[in-house]
Protein backbone atom coordinates (compact mmCIF):
# COMPACT_ATOMS: atom_id res chain seq x y z
CA MET A 1 -64.92 -136.62 -188.88
CA SER A 2 -64.27 -135.68 -192.52
CA ILE A 3 -65.36 -132.40 -194.10
CA PHE A 4 -67.98 -134.34 -196.06
CA ASP A 5 -69.44 -135.73 -192.83
CA ILE A 6 -69.62 -132.20 -191.40
CA PHE A 7 -71.52 -130.88 -194.43
CA ALA A 8 -73.84 -133.89 -194.38
CA LYS A 9 -74.58 -133.24 -190.71
CA LEU A 10 -75.29 -129.55 -191.36
CA ASP A 11 -77.63 -130.42 -194.24
CA ALA A 12 -79.46 -132.91 -192.05
CA GLN A 13 -80.02 -130.17 -189.46
CA LYS A 14 -81.67 -127.86 -191.99
CA PRO A 15 -85.47 -127.95 -191.67
CA ALA A 16 -86.96 -129.62 -194.72
CA VAL A 17 -89.55 -127.69 -196.67
CA SER A 18 -92.58 -129.93 -196.99
CA GLY A 19 -95.99 -129.31 -198.48
CA PRO A 20 -97.12 -126.70 -200.99
CA PRO A 21 -96.03 -123.06 -200.61
CA ASP A 22 -98.15 -120.50 -198.78
CA HIS A 23 -96.57 -117.59 -200.64
CA ILE A 24 -94.73 -116.90 -203.90
CA ILE A 25 -91.80 -114.47 -204.06
CA ALA A 26 -91.11 -113.61 -207.69
CA GLY A 27 -88.10 -111.61 -208.80
CA LEU A 28 -88.33 -110.14 -212.30
CA GLY A 29 -85.60 -110.14 -214.91
CA ASN A 30 -84.40 -111.60 -218.19
CA PRO A 31 -82.76 -115.04 -218.50
CA GLY A 32 -79.36 -115.51 -220.09
CA THR A 33 -75.79 -114.61 -219.23
CA GLN A 34 -75.92 -111.45 -221.37
CA TYR A 35 -78.48 -109.98 -218.98
CA GLU A 36 -76.78 -110.93 -215.71
CA ASP A 37 -76.23 -108.00 -213.33
CA THR A 38 -78.09 -105.54 -215.54
CA ARG A 39 -80.45 -102.97 -214.05
CA HIS A 40 -83.54 -104.80 -215.33
CA ASN A 41 -82.44 -107.92 -213.41
CA ALA A 42 -82.52 -106.36 -209.94
CA GLY A 43 -85.46 -108.64 -209.05
CA PHE A 44 -83.47 -111.73 -209.99
CA MET A 45 -80.58 -110.49 -207.88
CA ALA A 46 -82.80 -109.98 -204.81
CA VAL A 47 -84.21 -113.50 -205.11
CA ASP A 48 -80.65 -114.82 -205.31
CA VAL A 49 -79.85 -113.01 -202.05
CA ILE A 50 -82.87 -114.65 -200.38
CA ALA A 51 -81.74 -118.01 -201.74
CA GLU A 52 -78.22 -117.54 -200.41
CA LYS A 53 -79.59 -116.47 -197.04
CA THR A 54 -81.78 -119.58 -196.80
CA GLY A 55 -79.18 -121.99 -198.20
CA VAL A 56 -80.90 -122.99 -201.44
CA GLN A 57 -80.24 -122.63 -205.15
CA VAL A 58 -82.88 -121.30 -207.52
CA LYS A 59 -82.39 -123.84 -210.27
CA LYS A 60 -85.42 -126.18 -210.48
CA LEU A 61 -87.22 -125.58 -213.79
CA LYS A 62 -90.96 -125.27 -213.19
CA PHE A 63 -93.75 -122.88 -214.20
CA LYS A 64 -91.59 -121.42 -217.01
CA SER A 65 -89.24 -120.33 -214.22
CA LEU A 66 -86.26 -121.26 -212.14
CA THR A 67 -87.61 -122.05 -208.68
CA ALA A 68 -86.69 -123.13 -205.15
CA ASP A 69 -88.71 -124.04 -202.06
CA VAL A 70 -87.70 -122.24 -198.86
CA MET A 71 -88.85 -121.54 -195.34
CA LEU A 72 -88.94 -117.79 -194.81
CA GLY A 73 -90.61 -115.83 -192.04
CA GLY A 74 -92.13 -119.03 -190.73
CA ARG A 75 -93.88 -119.66 -194.06
CA ARG A 76 -93.37 -122.11 -196.89
CA CYS A 77 -92.42 -119.99 -199.89
CA LEU A 78 -91.66 -120.55 -203.54
CA LEU A 79 -88.83 -118.42 -204.94
CA LEU A 80 -89.45 -117.81 -208.61
CA LYS A 81 -87.38 -116.28 -211.43
CA PRO A 82 -89.43 -116.30 -214.66
CA THR A 83 -87.57 -117.43 -217.79
CA THR A 84 -90.24 -115.94 -220.06
CA PHE A 85 -88.35 -112.64 -220.46
CA MET A 86 -89.54 -109.55 -218.67
CA ASN A 87 -92.50 -108.59 -220.85
CA ASN A 88 -94.19 -111.98 -220.31
CA SER A 89 -93.52 -112.37 -216.59
CA GLY A 90 -97.22 -112.82 -215.91
CA GLU A 91 -97.30 -116.13 -217.79
CA ALA A 92 -94.96 -117.77 -215.29
CA ILE A 93 -96.49 -116.19 -212.22
CA THR A 94 -100.12 -117.00 -213.07
CA GLU A 95 -99.14 -120.60 -213.84
CA ALA A 96 -97.60 -120.96 -210.38
CA LEU A 97 -100.48 -119.21 -208.62
CA ASP A 98 -103.05 -121.39 -210.40
CA TYR A 99 -101.18 -124.62 -209.71
CA TYR A 100 -101.02 -123.98 -205.96
CA ARG A 101 -104.44 -122.29 -205.85
CA LEU A 102 -102.97 -119.14 -204.38
CA THR A 103 -104.41 -115.66 -204.75
CA PRO A 104 -102.55 -112.47 -205.74
CA ALA A 105 -102.61 -111.53 -202.04
CA GLU A 106 -100.17 -114.43 -201.53
CA LEU A 107 -97.70 -113.04 -204.06
CA THR A 108 -94.78 -110.65 -203.61
CA VAL A 109 -93.01 -109.28 -206.70
CA ILE A 110 -89.53 -107.73 -206.59
CA TYR A 111 -88.47 -105.61 -209.55
CA ASP A 112 -86.42 -102.65 -210.78
CA ASP A 113 -87.56 -99.04 -210.81
CA ILE A 114 -85.83 -96.25 -212.75
CA ALA A 115 -87.79 -93.63 -210.80
CA LEU A 116 -85.77 -94.44 -207.68
CA ASP A 117 -82.10 -93.77 -207.06
CA VAL A 118 -79.81 -96.78 -206.80
CA GLY A 119 -80.08 -98.19 -203.29
CA LYS A 120 -83.59 -96.92 -202.57
CA LEU A 121 -86.59 -99.21 -201.96
CA ARG A 122 -90.33 -98.69 -202.20
CA ILE A 123 -92.71 -101.24 -200.74
CA ARG A 124 -96.43 -101.26 -201.44
CA GLN A 125 -99.32 -103.62 -200.74
CA LYS A 126 -100.88 -102.96 -204.15
CA GLY A 127 -100.78 -100.43 -206.97
CA SER A 128 -100.50 -99.74 -210.68
CA ASP A 129 -97.85 -101.09 -213.05
CA GLY A 130 -96.05 -97.71 -213.08
CA GLY A 131 -95.15 -98.22 -216.73
CA HIS A 132 -93.12 -101.37 -216.00
CA ASN A 133 -93.73 -104.00 -218.68
CA GLY A 134 -93.21 -106.95 -216.36
CA MET A 135 -95.78 -105.59 -213.95
CA LYS A 136 -98.19 -104.85 -216.81
CA SER A 137 -98.05 -108.52 -217.77
CA ILE A 138 -98.64 -109.72 -214.20
CA ILE A 139 -101.56 -107.37 -213.54
CA TYR A 140 -103.17 -108.17 -216.90
CA LEU A 141 -102.92 -111.96 -216.55
CA THR A 142 -103.82 -112.19 -212.85
CA GLY A 143 -106.59 -109.63 -213.26
CA SER A 144 -105.46 -107.92 -210.07
CA ASP A 145 -103.06 -105.31 -208.76
CA ALA A 146 -103.66 -106.36 -205.14
CA PHE A 147 -100.31 -108.03 -204.50
CA SER A 148 -97.34 -106.74 -202.54
CA ARG A 149 -94.32 -105.44 -204.38
CA ILE A 150 -90.77 -104.35 -203.58
CA ARG A 151 -89.32 -101.85 -206.03
CA ILE A 152 -85.53 -101.58 -206.16
CA GLY A 153 -84.09 -98.32 -207.40
CA VAL A 154 -81.77 -98.66 -210.39
CA GLY A 155 -81.39 -94.97 -211.20
CA ALA A 156 -82.83 -92.68 -213.85
CA LYS A 157 -81.62 -92.42 -217.45
CA PRO A 158 -78.57 -90.16 -217.87
CA HIS A 159 -80.67 -87.77 -219.98
CA LYS A 160 -84.20 -87.73 -221.40
CA ASP A 161 -83.16 -88.77 -224.91
CA TYR A 162 -81.27 -91.85 -223.70
CA PRO A 163 -83.11 -95.00 -224.98
CA LEU A 164 -84.95 -96.63 -222.10
CA ALA A 165 -84.23 -100.18 -223.31
CA ASP A 166 -80.51 -99.43 -223.48
CA TRP A 167 -80.55 -98.01 -219.96
CA VAL A 168 -82.39 -100.85 -218.20
CA LEU A 169 -80.25 -103.42 -220.01
CA SER A 170 -77.04 -101.66 -219.00
CA HIS A 171 -74.82 -102.87 -216.16
CA PHE A 172 -74.48 -101.09 -212.86
CA LYS A 173 -71.43 -98.89 -212.52
CA LYS A 174 -68.68 -99.94 -210.15
CA GLU A 175 -69.38 -97.01 -207.84
CA GLU A 176 -73.03 -98.10 -207.54
CA GLY A 177 -72.12 -101.56 -206.27
CA GLU A 178 -72.15 -100.82 -202.56
CA LYS A 179 -75.56 -99.13 -202.65
CA LEU A 180 -77.00 -101.93 -204.78
CA GLU A 181 -75.70 -104.63 -202.45
CA ALA A 182 -77.27 -102.89 -199.45
CA ALA A 183 -80.57 -102.51 -201.30
CA LEU A 184 -80.65 -106.20 -202.25
CA LYS A 185 -80.08 -107.22 -198.64
CA SER A 186 -82.82 -104.85 -197.51
CA ALA A 187 -85.19 -106.25 -200.16
CA ALA A 188 -84.55 -109.76 -198.86
CA GLU A 189 -85.28 -108.63 -195.31
CA ALA A 190 -88.42 -106.82 -196.47
CA ALA A 191 -89.65 -109.94 -198.27
CA GLU A 192 -89.27 -111.93 -195.05
CA LEU A 193 -91.30 -109.35 -193.13
CA ILE A 194 -94.00 -109.33 -195.81
CA VAL A 195 -94.51 -113.11 -195.88
CA SER A 196 -94.67 -113.14 -192.07
CA GLY A 197 -97.55 -110.65 -192.19
CA LYS A 198 -95.54 -107.54 -191.27
CA ILE A 199 -95.79 -105.45 -194.43
CA ASN A 200 -96.46 -102.27 -192.45
CA GLU A 201 -93.23 -102.84 -190.55
CA ALA A 202 -91.40 -103.41 -193.84
CA MET A 203 -92.80 -100.17 -195.28
CA ASN A 204 -91.92 -98.18 -192.18
CA LYS A 205 -88.41 -99.56 -192.11
CA PHE A 206 -87.43 -99.37 -195.79
CA ASN A 207 -89.61 -96.79 -197.57
């Protein structure tokens, strides 16, 4: 049997994702190579970890986003990375919610938080935007803050006069890599617990 036959057999064994999604997992960030691996793109990175874990690529262009259909936690989910740029994230997310007739309760958003140290997570079932422009857009356009969210710590500004935009668009330092990698894996695990109806377990485990 050739290597191609082996891969074809493995692909055939993967359960196909059929039907519309029950849940949307949106990671926030900015599109473009210049923004890859920056602090503001922690949400994108977490979605990529979920995609790698489930054997898909987030590359289908739909709902002003890059998307992929996956099975996660026994649920059909849509992974979504808005290409609208951070401040207009709500445009992509509301379009997807409306198309599938899902409510904010069937949405999980993963995003960066400068109030948390690198490697820390905070999971909540609902809440305010916390000054995050991507979240402001989502809450404003959905008309609700009642959706689950996973905040990934990216560290505070070096000092109070440091421009916020420069900080969130900066790259992680080499010494932060190990903590970030662990946080992204934990965020992916938390997302799986959330979509399977175990948000309290996710909060107890990762908060």
